[in-house]
Amino acid sequence: MNYLIRHISQNECKETMPEGASTRERALIKYQIWNNIRNQSRNYRLGLVWLVINPLITSLIYVFVFTIMRANLNAMNIIIGITIYRVFAQSIKSGIASIRDYRGGILAERISSQVLVRGMLGSRIINAQFQTIGASIVLTIMFKVDILTSFSLMIIATICGLLIEGCMLNFAKLIRNLPDLNNIIQHIIQLLFYASPVLYSFDRTVGIHRLFNTYNPIMYFIEFHRGLISNEFAFENINQNIFLIIILFLTLMAIRGYRSIDRVRWELSTWP
């Protein structure tokens, strides 16, 4: 067995793997990724299939409600909005819940933070792919969108998921100490579903609602993919510096969040 090498100082504890441990490290990452995926579907007979079916069924339900019932909304926009928003919402929940298990599901030993971070990134990527592949296929078959544009939905949703999960990692410890914040966040997620341009276009917003969505990150991910299809970006009249600042902020916060895992593990560790 390869043991971790700990470098302990007054402020932190860094862990490194000994030479020749790369094969074992890759095996741990692979195990962690699929353990996280299995945990999301272990209570269902269809298992991982539900990761594909759930967002697709939800999208089609909204399509029926808001188009068949003459709500004058665009079915394709609804599918894109709901699909990306599901990844967005799940990434928020994953980020704030990550602190519950910093062993990656491996109970026999403590794994390094480097392995854990790679496993989290891999899990988020695979989860986003599962949740968006169904919608990408529907866009290609039902709405005659070209394959590359349809499947770019998977890339956009994955980037969104990684950035949002990383950002929420910064608040995981705070939410652990103040559990009431978790309930508040759940309500915010529900409110954002209707306040964000998920079921409608950003062009239909006015006043304070439009101002709010100008600084709402999820709007840019949703409208960017809609723009790839229509060649008309709803946010093109917005100051592009706002968009760049939001993306830069999310990126820096995500990097900080993933890099903070080792420090938080050390602070909360019960290991000798």
C-alpha atoms as a PDB file:
ATOM      1  CA  MET A   1       0.000   0.000   0.000  1.00  0.00           C
ATOM      2  CA  ASN A   2       1.220   3.529  -0.798  1.00  0.00           C
ATOM      3  CA  TYR A   3       0.865   5.912   2.098  1.00  0.00           C
ATOM      4  CA  LEU A   4       0.385   9.669   1.902  1.00  0.00           C
ATOM      5  CA  ILE A   5       3.318  11.866   2.848  1.00  0.00           C
ATOM      6  CA  ARG A   6       2.190  14.709   5.097  1.00  0.00           C
ATOM      7  CA  HIS A   7       3.999  18.053   5.301  1.00  0.00           C
ATOM      8  CA  ILE A   8       2.655  19.718   8.430  1.00  0.00           C
ATOM      9  CA  SER A   9       3.181  23.374   9.275  1.00  0.00           C
ATOM     10  CA  GLN A  10       1.512  25.705  11.739  1.00  0.00           C
ATOM     11  CA  ASN A  11      -1.144  26.860   9.255  1.00  0.00           C
ATOM     12  CA  GLU A  12      -1.741  23.910   6.978  1.00  0.00           C
ATOM     13  CA  CYS A  13      -1.174  20.294   6.175  1.00  0.00           C
ATOM     14  CA  LYS A  14      -0.173  19.360   2.623  1.00  0.00           C
ATOM     15  CA  GLU A  15      -0.278  15.799   1.372  1.00  0.00           C
ATOM     16  CA  THR A  16       1.744  14.307  -1.487  1.00  0.00           C
ATOM     17  CA  MET A  17       1.789  10.884  -3.051  1.00  0.00           C
ATOM     18  CA  PRO A  18       5.006   8.850  -3.116  1.00  0.00           C
ATOM     19  CA  GLU A  19       6.678   8.059  -6.401  1.00  0.00           C
ATOM     20  CA  GLY A  20       5.086   5.260  -8.400  1.00  0.00           C
ATOM     21  CA  ALA A  21       1.612   5.927  -6.995  1.00  0.00           C
ATOM     22  CA  SER A  22       0.097   7.389 -10.168  1.00  0.00           C
ATOM     23  CA  THR A  23      -1.638   4.117 -11.147  1.00  0.00           C
ATOM     24  CA  ARG A  24      -3.252   3.821  -7.729  1.00  0.00           C
ATOM     25  CA  GLU A  25      -4.205   7.499  -7.850  1.00  0.00           C
ATOM     26  CA  ARG A  26      -5.968   7.073 -11.190  1.00  0.00           C
ATOM     27  CA  ALA A  27      -7.840   4.060  -9.824  1.00  0.00           C
ATOM     28  CA  LEU A  28      -9.019   6.097  -6.818  1.00  0.00           C
ATOM     29  CA  ILE A  29     -10.193   8.943  -9.062  1.00  0.00           C
ATOM     30  CA  LYS A  30     -12.089   6.516 -11.300  1.00  0.00           C
ATOM     31  CA  TYR A  31     -13.689   4.862  -8.278  1.00  0.00           C
ATOM     32  CA  GLN A  32     -14.713   8.216  -6.806  1.00  0.00           C
ATOM     33  CA  ILE A  33     -16.286   9.431 -10.063  1.00  0.00           C
ATOM     34  CA  TRP A  34     -18.443   6.368 -10.542  1.00  0.00           C
ATOM     35  CA  ASN A  35     -19.246   6.133  -6.839  1.00  0.00           C
ATOM     36  CA  ASN A  36     -20.677   9.668  -6.969  1.00  0.00           C
ATOM     37  CA  ILE A  37     -22.662   8.850 -10.095  1.00  0.00           C
ATOM     38  CA  ARG A  38     -24.010   5.602  -8.612  1.00  0.00           C
ATOM     39  CA  ASN A  39     -25.039   7.373  -5.402  1.00  0.00           C
ATOM     40  CA  GLN A  40     -27.383   9.590  -7.410  1.00  0.00           C
ATOM     41  CA  SER A  41     -29.224   6.604  -8.873  1.00  0.00           C
ATOM     42  CA  ARG A  42     -28.777   3.738  -6.410  1.00  0.00           C
ATOM     43  CA  ASN A  43     -32.435   3.708  -5.350  1.00  0.00           C
ATOM     44  CA  TYR A  44     -33.784   3.333  -8.885  1.00  0.00           C
ATOM     45  CA  ARG A  45     -34.102   0.206 -10.994  1.00  0.00           C
ATOM     46  CA  LEU A  46     -33.071   2.036 -14.157  1.00  0.00           C
ATOM     47  CA  GLY A  47     -30.016   3.460 -12.394  1.00  0.00           C
ATOM     48  CA  LEU A  48     -27.990   5.873 -14.510  1.00  0.00           C
ATOM     49  CA  VAL A  49     -30.661   5.952 -17.194  1.00  0.00           C
ATOM     50  CA  TRP A  50     -32.655   8.290 -14.976  1.00  0.00           C
ATOM     51  CA  LEU A  51     -29.910  10.918 -15.214  1.00  0.00           C
ATOM     52  CA  VAL A  52     -30.743  11.102 -18.911  1.00  0.00           C
ATOM     53  CA  ILE A  53     -34.517  10.631 -18.651  1.00  0.00           C
ATOM     54  CA  ASN A  54     -35.309  13.020 -15.761  1.00  0.00           C
ATOM     55  CA  PRO A  55     -34.264  16.325 -17.392  1.00  0.00           C
ATOM     56  CA  LEU A  56     -35.767  15.229 -20.698  1.00  0.00           C
ATOM     57  CA  ILE A  57     -39.147  14.368 -19.148  1.00  0.00           C
ATOM     58  CA  THR A  58     -39.172  17.621 -17.172  1.00  0.00           C
ATOM     59  CA  SER A  59     -38.432  19.624 -20.328  1.00  0.00           C
ATOM     60  CA  LEU A  60     -41.155  17.863 -22.320  1.00  0.00           C
ATOM     61  CA  ILE A  61     -43.672  18.452 -19.518  1.00  0.00           C
ATOM     62  CA  TYR A  62     -42.993  22.178 -19.610  1.00  0.00           C
ATOM     63  CA  VAL A  63     -43.148  22.111 -23.403  1.00  0.00           C
ATOM     64  CA  PHE A  64     -46.620  20.572 -23.156  1.00  0.00           C
ATOM     65  CA  VAL A  65     -47.832  22.950 -20.464  1.00  0.00           C
ATOM     66  CA  PHE A  66     -46.567  26.158 -22.021  1.00  0.00           C
ATOM     67  CA  THR A  67     -46.999  25.454 -25.733  1.00  0.00           C
ATOM     68  CA  ILE A  68     -49.857  22.995 -26.074  1.00  0.00           C
ATOM     69  CA  MET A  69     -51.794  25.088 -23.563  1.00  0.00           C
ATOM     70  CA  ARG A  70     -51.184  28.176 -25.781  1.00  0.00           C
ATOM     71  CA  ALA A  71     -48.787  30.048 -23.514  1.00  0.00           C
ATOM     72  CA  ASN A  72     -47.073  31.459 -26.607  1.00  0.00           C
ATOM     73  CA  LEU A  73     -43.602  30.264 -25.595  1.00  0.00           C
ATOM     74  CA  ASN A  74     -40.902  28.689 -27.723  1.00  0.00           C
ATOM     75  CA  ALA A  75     -40.565  24.938 -27.105  1.00  0.00           C
ATOM     76  CA  MET A  76     -36.915  24.838 -28.106  1.00  0.00           C
ATOM     77  CA  ASN A  77     -36.061  27.710 -25.742  1.00  0.00           C
ATOM     78  CA  ILE A  78     -37.812  25.882 -22.909  1.00  0.00           C
ATOM     79  CA  ILE A  79     -35.782  22.710 -23.458  1.00  0.00           C
ATOM     80  CA  ILE A  80     -32.489  24.621 -23.568  1.00  0.00           C
ATOM     81  CA  GLY A  81     -33.366  26.724 -20.516  1.00  0.00           C
ATOM     82  CA  ILE A  82     -34.529  23.842 -18.327  1.00  0.00           C
ATOM     83  CA  THR A  83     -31.638  21.578 -19.296  1.00  0.00           C
ATOM     84  CA  ILE A  84     -28.943  24.111 -18.440  1.00  0.00           C
ATOM     85  CA  TYR A  85     -30.780  25.251 -15.310  1.00  0.00           C
ATOM     86  CA  ARG A  86     -30.950  21.686 -13.962  1.00  0.00           C
ATOM     87  CA  VAL A  87     -27.171  21.407 -14.275  1.00  0.00           C
ATOM     88  CA  PHE A  88     -26.824  24.852 -12.650  1.00  0.00           C
ATOM     89  CA  ALA A  89     -29.091  23.936  -9.703  1.00  0.00           C
ATOM     90  CA  GLN A  90     -27.495  20.547  -9.134  1.00  0.00           C
ATOM     91  CA  SER A  91     -24.027  22.101  -9.189  1.00  0.00           C
ATOM     92  CA  ILE A  92     -25.066  24.511  -6.429  1.00  0.00           C
ATOM     93  CA  LYS A  93     -26.328  21.616  -4.308  1.00  0.00           C
ATOM     94  CA  SER A  94     -23.243  19.529  -5.027  1.00  0.00           C
ATOM     95  CA  GLY A  95     -20.907  22.349  -4.063  1.00  0.00           C
ATOM     96  CA  ILE A  96     -22.505  23.061  -0.700  1.00  0.00           C
ATOM     97  CA  ALA A  97     -22.956  19.352   0.114  1.00  0.00           C
ATOM     98  CA  SER A  98     -19.416  18.321  -0.797  1.00  0.00           C
ATOM     99  CA  ILE A  99     -18.116  18.912   2.708  1.00  0.00           C
ATOM    100  CA  ARG A 100     -20.212  16.026   4.036  1.00  0.00           C
ATOM    101  CA  ASP A 101     -17.805  13.442   2.660  1.00  0.00           C
ATOM    102  CA  TYR A 102     -14.191  14.387   2.058  1.00  0.00           C
ATOM    103  CA  ARG A 103     -13.124  10.764   1.666  1.00  0.00           C
ATOM    104  CA  GLY A 104     -14.596  10.379  -1.828  1.00  0.00           C
ATOM    105  CA  GLY A 105     -16.750   7.460  -0.695  1.00  0.00           C
ATOM    106  CA  ILE A 106     -13.666   5.404   0.214  1.00  0.00           C
ATOM    107  CA  LEU A 107     -14.006   4.311   3.816  1.00  0.00           C
ATOM    108  CA  ALA A 108     -10.866   2.192   4.108  1.00  0.00           C
ATOM    109  CA  GLU A 109      -8.378   5.016   3.890  1.00  0.00           C
ATOM    110  CA  ARG A 110      -8.009   8.741   3.524  1.00  0.00           C
ATOM    111  CA  ILE A 111      -7.263   9.766  -0.028  1.00  0.00           C
ATOM    112  CA  SER A 112      -5.275  12.835  -1.016  1.00  0.00           C
ATOM    113  CA  SER A 113      -7.003  16.127  -1.731  1.00  0.00           C
ATOM    114  CA  GLN A 114      -5.568  16.076  -5.244  1.00  0.00           C
ATOM    115  CA  VAL A 115      -7.341  12.816  -6.002  1.00  0.00           C
ATOM    116  CA  LEU A 116     -10.537  14.110  -4.413  1.00  0.00           C
ATOM    117  CA  VAL A 117     -10.561  17.294  -6.503  1.00  0.00           C
ATOM    118  CA  ARG A 118      -9.964  15.363  -9.715  1.00  0.00           C
ATOM    119  CA  GLY A 119     -12.762  13.007  -8.788  1.00  0.00           C
ATOM    120  CA  MET A 120     -15.147  15.898  -8.132  1.00  0.00           C
ATOM    121  CA  LEU A 121     -14.290  17.481 -11.476  1.00  0.00           C
ATOM    122  CA  GLY A 122     -14.774  14.185 -13.275  1.00  0.00           C
ATOM    123  CA  SER A 123     -18.104  13.572 -11.536  1.00  0.00           C
ATOM    124  CA  ARG A 124     -19.399  17.029 -12.448  1.00  0.00           C
ATOM    125  CA  ILE A 125     -18.370  16.606 -16.094  1.00  0.00           C
ATOM    126  CA  ILE A 126     -19.939  13.166 -16.485  1.00  0.00           C
ATOM    127  CA  ASN A 127     -23.089  14.208 -14.631  1.00  0.00           C
ATOM    128  CA  ALA A 128     -23.551  17.216 -16.935  1.00  0.00           C
ATOM    129  CA  GLN A 129     -23.065  15.012 -19.999  1.00  0.00           C
ATOM    130  CA  PHE A 130     -25.740  12.578 -18.826  1.00  0.00           C
ATOM    131  CA  GLN A 131     -28.197  15.378 -18.067  1.00  0.00           C
ATOM    132  CA  THR A 132     -27.795  17.140 -21.422  1.00  0.00           C
ATOM    133  CA  ILE A 133     -27.365  14.360 -23.975  1.00  0.00           C
ATOM    134  CA  GLY A 134     -31.118  13.703 -24.143  1.00  0.00           C
ATOM    135  CA  ALA A 135     -31.928  17.348 -24.851  1.00  0.00           C
ATOM    136  CA  SER A 136     -29.142  17.520 -27.459  1.00  0.00           C
ATOM    137  CA  ILE A 137     -30.642  14.572 -29.313  1.00  0.00           C
ATOM    138  CA  VAL A 138     -34.125  16.135 -29.175  1.00  0.00           C
ATOM    139  CA  LEU A 139     -32.789  19.422 -30.583  1.00  0.00           C
ATOM    140  CA  THR A 140     -31.221  17.535 -33.492  1.00  0.00           C
ATOM    141  CA  ILE A 141     -34.175  15.273 -34.310  1.00  0.00           C
ATOM    142  CA  MET A 142     -37.241  17.376 -33.459  1.00  0.00           C
ATOM    143  CA  PHE A 143     -36.000  20.886 -34.185  1.00  0.00           C
ATOM    144  CA  LYS A 144     -33.544  20.092 -37.022  1.00  0.00           C
ATOM    145  CA  VAL A 145     -30.660  21.875 -35.287  1.00  0.00           C
ATOM    146  CA  ASP A 146     -27.301  20.823 -36.713  1.00  0.00           C
ATOM    147  CA  ILE A 147     -25.444  18.236 -34.649  1.00  0.00           C
ATOM    148  CA  LEU A 148     -22.492  20.410 -33.602  1.00  0.00           C
ATOM    149  CA  THR A 149     -24.754  23.209 -32.348  1.00  0.00           C
ATOM    150  CA  SER A 150     -27.068  20.771 -30.567  1.00  0.00           C
ATOM    151  CA  PHE A 151     -24.261  19.006 -28.750  1.00  0.00           C
ATOM    152  CA  SER A 152     -22.555  22.275 -27.856  1.00  0.00           C
ATOM    153  CA  LEU A 153     -25.297  22.340 -25.217  1.00  0.00           C
ATOM    154  CA  MET A 154     -23.332  19.621 -23.405  1.00  0.00           C
ATOM    155  CA  ILE A 155     -20.163  21.731 -23.421  1.00  0.00           C
ATOM    156  CA  ILE A 156     -21.893  24.916 -22.239  1.00  0.00           C
ATOM    157  CA  ALA A 157     -23.750  23.090 -19.450  1.00  0.00           C
ATOM    158  CA  THR A 158     -20.541  21.362 -18.335  1.00  0.00           C
ATOM    159  CA  ILE A 159     -18.639  24.652 -18.093  1.00  0.00           C
ATOM    160  CA  CYS A 160     -21.560  26.131 -16.161  1.00  0.00           C
ATOM    161  CA  GLY A 161     -21.597  23.155 -13.782  1.00  0.00           C
ATOM    162  CA  LEU A 162     -17.868  23.296 -13.070  1.00  0.00           C
ATOM    163  CA  LEU A 163     -17.847  27.041 -12.423  1.00  0.00           C
ATOM    164  CA  ILE A 164     -20.920  27.019 -10.187  1.00  0.00           C
ATOM    165  CA  GLU A 165     -19.851  23.983  -8.149  1.00  0.00           C
ATOM    166  CA  GLY A 166     -16.417  25.514  -7.635  1.00  0.00           C
ATOM    167  CA  CYS A 167     -17.947  28.806  -6.501  1.00  0.00           C
ATOM    168  CA  MET A 168     -20.228  27.105  -3.986  1.00  0.00           C
ATOM    169  CA  LEU A 169     -17.298  25.201  -2.480  1.00  0.00           C
ATOM    170  CA  ASN A 170     -16.223  28.550  -1.024  1.00  0.00           C
ATOM    171  CA  PHE A 171     -19.372  28.600   1.111  1.00  0.00           C
ATOM    172  CA  ALA A 172     -19.595  24.899   2.031  1.00  0.00           C
ATOM    173  CA  LYS A 173     -17.937  25.331   5.430  1.00  0.00           C
ATOM    174  CA  LEU A 174     -20.104  28.341   6.317  1.00  0.00           C
ATOM    175  CA  ILE A 175     -23.286  26.475   5.376  1.00  0.00           C
ATOM    176  CA  ARG A 176     -22.139  23.462   7.387  1.00  0.00           C
ATOM    177  CA  ASN A 177     -21.846  25.686  10.457  1.00  0.00           C
ATOM    178  CA  LEU A 178     -25.153  27.468   9.708  1.00  0.00           C
ATOM    179  CA  PRO A 179     -27.533  24.759   8.395  1.00  0.00           C
ATOM    180  CA  ASP A 180     -30.391  27.250   8.008  1.00  0.00           C
ATOM    181  CA  LEU A 181     -28.525  28.751   5.061  1.00  0.00           C
ATOM    182  CA  ASN A 182     -29.066  25.500   3.185  1.00  0.00           C
ATOM    183  CA  ASN A 183     -32.836  25.946   3.315  1.00  0.00           C
ATOM    184  CA  ILE A 184     -32.496  29.544   2.168  1.00  0.00           C
ATOM    185  CA  ILE A 185     -30.402  28.437  -0.795  1.00  0.00           C
ATOM    186  CA  GLN A 186     -33.000  25.816  -1.769  1.00  0.00           C
ATOM    187  CA  HIS A 187     -35.659  28.547  -1.882  1.00  0.00           C
ATOM    188  CA  ILE A 188     -33.348  30.802  -3.893  1.00  0.00           C
ATOM    189  CA  ILE A 189     -32.851  28.006  -6.430  1.00  0.00           C
ATOM    190  CA  GLN A 190     -36.634  27.683  -6.824  1.00  0.00           C
ATOM    191  CA  LEU A 191     -37.062  31.440  -7.154  1.00  0.00           C
ATOM    192  CA  LEU A 192     -34.249  31.733  -9.709  1.00  0.00           C
ATOM    193  CA  PHE A 193     -35.986  29.194 -11.926  1.00  0.00           C
ATOM    194  CA  TYR A 194     -38.800  31.668 -12.583  1.00  0.00           C
ATOM    195  CA  ALA A 195     -36.765  34.859 -12.257  1.00  0.00           C
ATOM    196  CA  SER A 196     -34.156  33.678 -14.787  1.00  0.00           C
ATOM    197  CA  PRO A 197     -34.885  33.385 -18.546  1.00  0.00           C
ATOM    198  CA  VAL A 198     -35.448  29.632 -18.359  1.00  0.00           C
ATOM    199  CA  LEU A 199     -38.976  29.475 -19.781  1.00  0.00           C
ATOM    200  CA  TYR A 200     -38.742  32.708 -21.734  1.00  0.00           C
ATOM    201  CA  SER A 201     -36.154  34.825 -23.535  1.00  0.00           C
ATOM    202  CA  PHE A 202     -34.109  37.563 -21.913  1.00  0.00           C
ATOM    203  CA  ASP A 203     -35.614  39.905 -24.533  1.00  0.00           C
ATOM    204  CA  ARG A 204     -38.962  39.667 -22.743  1.00  0.00           C
ATOM    205  CA  THR A 205     -37.644  41.083 -19.487  1.00  0.00           C
ATOM    206  CA  VAL A 206     -38.053  44.756 -18.582  1.00  0.00           C
ATOM    207  CA  GLY A 207     -37.168  47.146 -15.773  1.00  0.00           C
ATOM    208  CA  ILE A 208     -35.813  45.681 -12.542  1.00  0.00           C
ATOM    209  CA  HIS A 209     -36.337  42.162 -13.886  1.00  0.00           C
ATOM    210  CA  ARG A 210     -34.052  42.913 -16.844  1.00  0.00           C
ATOM    211  CA  LEU A 211     -31.482  44.632 -14.618  1.00  0.00           C
ATOM    212  CA  PHE A 212     -31.415  41.599 -12.301  1.00  0.00           C
ATOM    213  CA  ASN A 213     -30.821  39.191 -15.181  1.00  0.00           C
ATOM    214  CA  THR A 214     -28.085  41.420 -16.580  1.00  0.00           C
ATOM    215  CA  TYR A 215     -26.010  40.324 -13.566  1.00  0.00           C
ATOM    216  CA  ASN A 216     -27.473  36.793 -13.405  1.00  0.00           C
ATOM    217  CA  PRO A 217     -24.789  34.286 -14.555  1.00  0.00           C
ATOM    218  CA  ILE A 218     -27.222  31.570 -15.646  1.00  0.00           C
ATOM    219  CA  MET A 219     -28.788  33.963 -18.166  1.00  0.00           C
ATOM    220  CA  TYR A 220     -25.564  34.125 -20.160  1.00  0.00           C
ATOM    221  CA  PHE A 221     -25.157  30.348 -20.362  1.00  0.00           C
ATOM    222  CA  ILE A 222     -28.763  29.824 -21.485  1.00  0.00           C
ATOM    223  CA  GLU A 223     -28.923  32.698 -23.944  1.00  0.00           C
ATOM    224  CA  PHE A 224     -25.499  31.867 -25.384  1.00  0.00           C
ATOM    225  CA  HIS A 225     -26.705  28.483 -26.600  1.00  0.00           C
ATOM    226  CA  ARG A 226     -29.981  29.922 -27.846  1.00  0.00           C
ATOM    227  CA  GLY A 227     -27.907  32.486 -29.724  1.00  0.00           C
ATOM    228  CA  LEU A 228     -25.788  29.777 -31.352  1.00  0.00           C
ATOM    229  CA  ILE A 229     -28.979  28.366 -32.864  1.00  0.00           C
ATOM    230  CA  SER A 230     -30.693  31.620 -33.864  1.00  0.00           C
ATOM    231  CA  ASN A 231     -27.512  33.638 -34.559  1.00  0.00           C
ATOM    232  CA  GLU A 232     -29.090  36.399 -32.464  1.00  0.00           C
ATOM    233  CA  PHE A 233     -27.753  36.821 -28.941  1.00  0.00           C
ATOM    234  CA  ALA A 234     -30.297  38.349 -26.565  1.00  0.00           C
ATOM    235  CA  PHE A 235     -27.570  39.978 -24.485  1.00  0.00           C
ATOM    236  CA  GLU A 236     -25.591  41.517 -27.347  1.00  0.00           C
ATOM    237  CA  ASN A 237     -26.848  45.014 -26.441  1.00  0.00           C
ATOM    238  CA  ILE A 238     -25.517  44.663 -22.893  1.00  0.00           C
ATOM    239  CA  ASN A 239     -22.132  46.116 -22.058  1.00  0.00           C
ATOM    240  CA  GLN A 240     -19.781  43.230 -22.861  1.00  0.00           C
ATOM    241  CA  ASN A 241     -17.563  44.201 -19.929  1.00  0.00           C
ATOM    242  CA  ILE A 242     -20.325  43.020 -17.579  1.00  0.00           C
ATOM    243  CA  PHE A 243     -20.300  39.590 -19.201  1.00  0.00           C
ATOM    244  CA  LEU A 244     -16.498  39.357 -19.054  1.00  0.00           C
ATOM    245  CA  ILE A 245     -16.396  40.451 -15.405  1.00  0.00           C
ATOM    246  CA  ILE A 246     -19.019  37.848 -14.441  1.00  0.00           C
ATOM    247  CA  ILE A 247     -17.160  35.032 -16.204  1.00  0.00           C
ATOM    248  CA  LEU A 248     -13.823  36.128 -14.750  1.00  0.00           C
ATOM    249  CA  PHE A 249     -15.324  36.327 -11.257  1.00  0.00           C
ATOM    250  CA  LEU A 250     -16.879  32.850 -11.560  1.00  0.00           C
ATOM    251  CA  THR A 251     -13.605  31.412 -12.836  1.00  0.00           C
ATOM    252  CA  LEU A 252     -11.507  32.885 -10.030  1.00  0.00           C
ATOM    253  CA  MET A 253     -14.033  31.830  -7.385  1.00  0.00           C
ATOM    254  CA  ALA A 254     -14.227  28.316  -8.828  1.00  0.00           C
ATOM    255  CA  ILE A 255     -10.433  27.951  -8.781  1.00  0.00           C
ATOM    256  CA  ARG A 256     -10.350  29.230  -5.209  1.00  0.00           C
ATOM    257  CA  GLY A 257     -13.137  26.828  -4.230  1.00  0.00           C
ATOM    258  CA  TYR A 258     -11.473  23.710  -5.584  1.00  0.00           C
ATOM    259  CA  ARG A 259      -8.100  24.738  -4.173  1.00  0.00           C
ATOM    260  CA  SER A 260      -9.609  25.343  -0.720  1.00  0.00           C
ATOM    261  CA  ILE A 261     -10.628  21.710  -0.302  1.00  0.00           C
ATOM    262  CA  ASP A 262      -7.286  20.665   1.208  1.00  0.00           C
ATOM    263  CA  ARG A 263      -7.344  23.501   3.736  1.00  0.00           C
ATOM    264  CA  VAL A 264     -10.931  22.814   4.787  1.00  0.00           C
ATOM    265  CA  ARG A 265     -10.238  19.086   5.100  1.00  0.00           C
ATOM    266  CA  TRP A 266      -7.325  19.859   7.391  1.00  0.00           C
ATOM    267  CA  GLU A 267      -9.419  22.192   9.547  1.00  0.00           C
ATOM    268  CA  LEU A 268     -12.267  19.694   9.879  1.00  0.00           C
ATOM    269  CA  SER A 269     -10.190  16.520   9.983  1.00  0.00           C
ATOM    270  CA  THR A 270     -10.767  14.001  12.768  1.00  0.00           C
ATOM    271  CA  TRP A 271      -7.861  11.856  11.646  1.00  0.00           C
ATOM    272  CA  PRO A 272      -4.846  11.551  13.916  1.00  0.00           C
END
